[in-house]
Amino acid sequence: MNIEYDFFRPRQAPASVLYDAFQAEALHRKGRDVDEWIRLELEAVHRAACRYAADHGLHQPSMEEVAAAERYARGSADYGSKWAIVLAEKMHQARKMGL
């Protein structure tokens, strides 16, 4: 889907960067078993989050923080968006708290 027409895509970084990483990896789901595509999507979002955080002075989330945000978003109609937004908020909050 063209990002101009993706109504779920967050408009501000880092959430948009995280969402784009998830969406790019999700394109490869076909032919993979569920455990593999879940693992690869988590890894893709984790890499994107750590890269963005390092470049912008934000908290670099652990893989568990990425997975926790993903679990929180499960079942939501806006799953990918919610995952990205929750994780982006964690990246900002942890920096403010000095973690």
N, C-alpha and C. Protein backbone atom coordinates (compact mmCIF):
# COMPACT_ATOMS: atom_id res chain seq x y z
N MET A 1 0.85 -1.18 0.00
CA MET A 1 0.00 0.00 0.00
C MET A 1 0.89 1.24 0.00
N ASN A 2 0.52 2.19 -0.79
CA ASN A 2 1.23 3.47 -0.85
C ASN A 2 1.01 4.19 0.49
N ILE A 3 2.11 4.69 1.09
CA ILE A 3 1.98 5.31 2.42
C ILE A 3 1.09 6.55 2.40
N GLU A 4 0.91 7.15 1.23
CA GLU A 4 0.03 8.31 1.15
C GLU A 4 -1.42 7.93 1.42
N TYR A 5 -1.77 6.66 1.20
CA TYR A 5 -3.15 6.20 1.36
C TYR A 5 -3.32 5.26 2.54
N ASP A 6 -2.32 5.13 3.36
CA ASP A 6 -2.39 4.27 4.54
C ASP A 6 -2.87 5.12 5.71
N PHE A 7 -4.16 4.99 6.01
CA PHE A 7 -4.76 5.82 7.05
C PHE A 7 -4.30 5.45 8.45
N PHE A 8 -3.75 4.25 8.61
CA PHE A 8 -3.27 3.82 9.91
C PHE A 8 -1.84 4.28 10.19
N ARG A 9 -1.11 4.66 9.17
CA ARG A 9 0.30 5.02 9.34
C ARG A 9 0.44 6.28 10.18
N PRO A 10 1.20 6.18 11.30
CA PRO A 10 1.44 7.39 12.10
C PRO A 10 2.14 8.45 11.25
N ARG A 11 1.90 9.68 11.55
CA ARG A 11 2.44 10.78 10.74
C ARG A 11 3.75 11.34 11.27
N GLN A 12 4.09 11.02 12.53
CA GLN A 12 5.31 11.58 13.12
C GLN A 12 6.28 10.47 13.51
N ALA A 13 7.54 10.79 13.36
CA ALA A 13 8.60 9.87 13.79
C ALA A 13 8.75 9.99 15.31
N PRO A 14 9.16 8.97 15.99
CA PRO A 14 9.65 7.71 15.45
C PRO A 14 8.56 6.70 15.12
N ALA A 15 7.30 6.97 15.49
CA ALA A 15 6.25 5.99 15.24
C ALA A 15 6.14 5.64 13.76
N SER A 16 6.26 6.61 12.88
CA SER A 16 6.17 6.33 11.44
C SER A 16 7.31 5.44 10.98
N VAL A 17 8.49 5.63 11.53
CA VAL A 17 9.66 4.81 11.17
C VAL A 17 9.45 3.37 11.63
N LEU A 18 8.93 3.20 12.83
CA LEU A 18 8.68 1.87 13.37
C LEU A 18 7.58 1.16 12.58
N TYR A 19 6.54 1.88 12.27
CA TYR A 19 5.43 1.33 11.48
C TYR A 19 5.92 0.89 10.11
N ASP A 20 6.74 1.73 9.47
CA ASP A 20 7.26 1.39 8.14
C ASP A 20 8.14 0.14 8.20
N ALA A 21 8.93 -0.01 9.25
CA ALA A 21 9.77 -1.20 9.40
C ALA A 21 8.90 -2.45 9.54
N PHE A 22 7.85 -2.35 10.34
CA PHE A 22 6.91 -3.47 10.48
C PHE A 22 6.25 -3.81 9.15
N GLN A 23 5.74 -2.80 8.47
CA GLN A 23 5.04 -3.03 7.21
C GLN A 23 5.96 -3.64 6.15
N ALA A 24 7.19 -3.17 6.09
CA ALA A 24 8.14 -3.70 5.11
C ALA A 24 8.42 -5.19 5.37
N GLU A 25 8.57 -5.55 6.63
CA GLU A 25 8.82 -6.96 6.96
C GLU A 25 7.57 -7.80 6.77
N ALA A 26 6.41 -7.25 7.06
CA ALA A 26 5.15 -7.99 6.93
C ALA A 26 4.87 -8.39 5.47
N LEU A 27 5.45 -7.69 4.53
CA LEU A 27 5.28 -8.06 3.12
C LEU A 27 5.84 -9.45 2.81
N HIS A 28 6.71 -9.96 3.68
CA HIS A 28 7.36 -11.25 3.45
C HIS A 28 6.71 -12.40 4.22
N ARG A 29 5.53 -12.20 4.75
CA ARG A 29 4.87 -13.24 5.54
C ARG A 29 4.57 -14.50 4.72
N LYS A 30 4.16 -14.32 3.50
CA LYS A 30 3.77 -15.46 2.67
C LYS A 30 4.94 -16.44 2.55
N GLY A 31 4.66 -17.70 2.82
CA GLY A 31 5.67 -18.73 2.73
C GLY A 31 6.44 -18.97 4.01
N ARG A 32 6.20 -18.15 5.03
CA ARG A 32 6.86 -18.33 6.32
C ARG A 32 5.85 -18.88 7.32
N ASP A 33 6.35 -19.62 8.29
CA ASP A 33 5.43 -20.04 9.34
C ASP A 33 5.25 -18.87 10.31
N VAL A 34 4.20 -18.96 11.09
CA VAL A 34 3.82 -17.85 11.97
C VAL A 34 4.94 -17.47 12.94
N ASP A 35 5.57 -18.45 13.56
CA ASP A 35 6.64 -18.14 14.50
C ASP A 35 7.78 -17.38 13.84
N GLU A 36 8.09 -17.75 12.60
CA GLU A 36 9.18 -17.07 11.89
C GLU A 36 8.81 -15.64 11.55
N TRP A 37 7.61 -15.40 11.00
CA TRP A 37 7.30 -14.02 10.64
C TRP A 37 7.11 -13.12 11.85
N ILE A 38 6.62 -13.67 12.95
CA ILE A 38 6.52 -12.87 14.17
C ILE A 38 7.91 -12.47 14.65
N ARG A 39 8.82 -13.43 14.70
CA ARG A 39 10.20 -13.15 15.14
C ARG A 39 10.87 -12.12 14.24
N LEU A 40 10.72 -12.27 12.94
CA LEU A 40 11.37 -11.36 12.01
C LEU A 40 10.77 -9.95 12.06
N GLU A 41 9.47 -9.85 12.28
CA GLU A 41 8.85 -8.53 12.42
C GLU A 41 9.30 -7.86 13.71
N LEU A 42 9.38 -8.60 14.80
CA LEU A 42 9.89 -8.04 16.05
C LEU A 42 11.32 -7.55 15.87
N GLU A 43 12.14 -8.36 15.22
CA GLU A 43 13.54 -7.97 15.00
C GLU A 43 13.64 -6.73 14.11
N ALA A 44 12.82 -6.64 13.09
CA ALA A 44 12.85 -5.48 12.19
C ALA A 44 12.47 -4.20 12.94
N VAL A 45 11.44 -4.28 13.76
CA VAL A 45 11.02 -3.10 14.52
C VAL A 45 12.08 -2.76 15.57
N HIS A 46 12.66 -3.75 16.20
CA HIS A 46 13.71 -3.51 17.19
C HIS A 46 14.90 -2.80 16.55
N ARG A 47 15.35 -3.29 15.41
CA ARG A 47 16.47 -2.64 14.70
C ARG A 47 16.15 -1.19 14.36
N ALA A 48 14.95 -0.97 13.83
CA ALA A 48 14.55 0.39 13.44
C ALA A 48 14.49 1.29 14.67
N ALA A 49 13.95 0.79 15.77
CA ALA A 49 13.83 1.58 17.00
C ALA A 49 15.21 1.94 17.55
N CYS A 50 16.09 0.97 17.59
CA CYS A 50 17.44 1.22 18.13
C CYS A 50 18.21 2.20 17.24
N ARG A 51 18.09 2.03 15.94
CA ARG A 51 18.77 2.94 15.00
C ARG A 51 18.24 4.37 15.17
N TYR A 52 16.92 4.51 15.22
CA TYR A 52 16.31 5.84 15.36
C TYR A 52 16.70 6.45 16.71
N ALA A 53 16.63 5.65 17.76
CA ALA A 53 16.97 6.15 19.10
C ALA A 53 18.41 6.63 19.16
N ALA A 54 19.32 5.87 18.60
CA ALA A 54 20.74 6.25 18.61
C ALA A 54 20.97 7.55 17.85
N ASP A 55 20.26 7.73 16.76
CA ASP A 55 20.42 8.94 15.95
C ASP A 55 19.76 10.17 16.55
N HIS A 56 18.80 9.97 17.47
CA HIS A 56 18.01 11.09 17.99
C HIS A 56 18.05 11.23 19.50
N GLY A 57 18.94 10.52 20.15
CA GLY A 57 19.10 10.66 21.59
C GLY A 57 17.94 10.15 22.42
N LEU A 58 17.26 9.13 21.92
CA LEU A 58 16.14 8.54 22.66
C LEU A 58 16.57 7.23 23.30
N HIS A 59 15.71 6.72 24.15
CA HIS A 59 15.92 5.42 24.79
C HIS A 59 15.91 4.33 23.72
N GLN A 60 16.94 3.47 23.71
CA GLN A 60 16.96 2.32 22.81
C GLN A 60 16.23 1.17 23.51
N PRO A 61 15.07 0.79 22.99
CA PRO A 61 14.29 -0.24 23.67
C PRO A 61 14.92 -1.62 23.57
N SER A 62 14.69 -2.40 24.60
CA SER A 62 15.11 -3.80 24.57
C SER A 62 14.15 -4.57 23.67
N MET A 63 14.54 -5.78 23.32
CA MET A 63 13.64 -6.63 22.54
C MET A 63 12.38 -6.91 23.35
N GLU A 64 12.49 -7.05 24.67
CA GLU A 64 11.31 -7.29 25.50
C GLU A 64 10.36 -6.08 25.46
N GLU A 65 10.88 -4.87 25.44
CA GLU A 65 10.02 -3.68 25.33
C GLU A 65 9.30 -3.65 23.99
N VAL A 66 9.99 -4.04 22.93
CA VAL A 66 9.37 -4.12 21.60
C VAL A 66 8.26 -5.17 21.62
N ALA A 67 8.56 -6.34 22.19
CA ALA A 67 7.58 -7.42 22.26
C ALA A 67 6.39 -7.03 23.14
N ALA A 68 6.63 -6.32 24.23
CA ALA A 68 5.53 -5.89 25.11
C ALA A 68 4.60 -4.92 24.39
N ALA A 69 5.17 -4.01 23.61
CA ALA A 69 4.34 -3.07 22.84
C ALA A 69 3.52 -3.83 21.80
N GLU A 70 4.13 -4.84 21.18
CA GLU A 70 3.42 -5.65 20.19
C GLU A 70 2.27 -6.41 20.84
N ARG A 71 2.52 -7.00 22.00
CA ARG A 71 1.45 -7.73 22.71
C ARG A 71 0.30 -6.80 23.07
N TYR A 72 0.63 -5.59 23.51
CA TYR A 72 -0.39 -4.61 23.87
C TYR A 72 -1.29 -4.28 22.67
N ALA A 73 -0.69 -4.23 21.48
CA ALA A 73 -1.42 -3.85 20.28
C ALA A 73 -2.27 -4.97 19.68
N ARG A 74 -1.99 -6.20 20.05
CA ARG A 74 -2.72 -7.34 19.47
C ARG A 74 -4.22 -7.18 19.64
N GLY A 75 -4.93 -7.53 18.59
CA GLY A 75 -6.38 -7.48 18.62
C GLY A 75 -6.96 -6.12 18.25
N SER A 76 -6.10 -5.12 18.10
CA SER A 76 -6.57 -3.79 17.73
C SER A 76 -6.76 -3.70 16.22
N ALA A 77 -7.76 -2.98 15.80
CA ALA A 77 -7.97 -2.78 14.36
C ALA A 77 -6.79 -2.05 13.74
N ASP A 78 -6.16 -1.21 14.53
CA ASP A 78 -5.00 -0.44 14.08
C ASP A 78 -3.72 -1.01 14.67
N TYR A 79 -3.60 -2.34 14.65
CA TYR A 79 -2.51 -3.09 15.29
C TYR A 79 -1.13 -2.49 15.03
N GLY A 80 -0.75 -2.34 13.78
CA GLY A 80 0.59 -1.84 13.46
C GLY A 80 0.82 -0.42 13.96
N SER A 81 -0.18 0.40 13.81
CA SER A 81 -0.10 1.78 14.27
C SER A 81 0.01 1.85 15.79
N LYS A 82 -0.83 1.08 16.46
CA LYS A 82 -0.81 1.08 17.93
C LYS A 82 0.54 0.57 18.44
N TRP A 83 1.07 -0.47 17.82
CA TRP A 83 2.37 -1.02 18.22
C TRP A 83 3.43 0.07 18.10
N ALA A 84 3.47 0.75 16.98
CA ALA A 84 4.47 1.78 16.73
C ALA A 84 4.33 2.95 17.70
N ILE A 85 3.11 3.39 17.94
CA ILE A 85 2.88 4.54 18.81
C ILE A 85 3.23 4.23 20.25
N VAL A 86 2.84 3.05 20.74
CA VAL A 86 3.14 2.65 22.12
C VAL A 86 4.65 2.55 22.31
N LEU A 87 5.35 1.96 21.35
CA LEU A 87 6.80 1.84 21.45
C LEU A 87 7.48 3.20 21.37
N ALA A 88 7.02 4.06 20.48
CA ALA A 88 7.59 5.40 20.37
C ALA A 88 7.42 6.18 21.68
N GLU A 89 6.25 6.04 22.31
CA GLU A 89 6.02 6.71 23.60
C GLU A 89 7.00 6.19 24.64
N LYS A 90 7.25 4.90 24.65
CA LYS A 90 8.20 4.30 25.59
C LYS A 90 9.60 4.86 25.36
N MET A 91 9.98 5.02 24.11
CA MET A 91 11.29 5.56 23.78
C MET A 91 11.45 6.98 24.31
N HIS A 92 10.40 7.79 24.21
CA HIS A 92 10.43 9.17 24.70
C HIS A 92 10.34 9.21 26.23
N GLN A 93 9.45 8.43 26.84
CA GLN A 93 9.27 8.46 28.29
C GLN A 93 10.52 8.00 29.02
N ALA A 94 11.12 6.94 28.55
CA ALA A 94 12.31 6.43 29.21
C ALA A 94 13.44 7.44 29.17
N ARG A 95 13.54 8.19 28.10
CA ARG A 95 14.58 9.22 28.01
C ARG A 95 14.32 10.31 29.05
N LYS A 96 13.06 10.72 29.19
CA LYS A 96 12.71 11.76 30.15
C LYS A 96 12.96 11.31 31.58
N MET A 97 12.81 10.02 31.82
CA MET A 97 13.01 9.48 33.17
C MET A 97 14.48 9.14 33.41
N GLY A 98 15.30 9.27 32.39
CA GLY A 98 16.72 9.01 32.55
C GLY A 98 17.09 7.54 32.51
N LEU A 99 16.24 6.72 31.91
CA LEU A 99 16.53 5.28 31.82
C LEU A 99 17.35 4.96 30.60
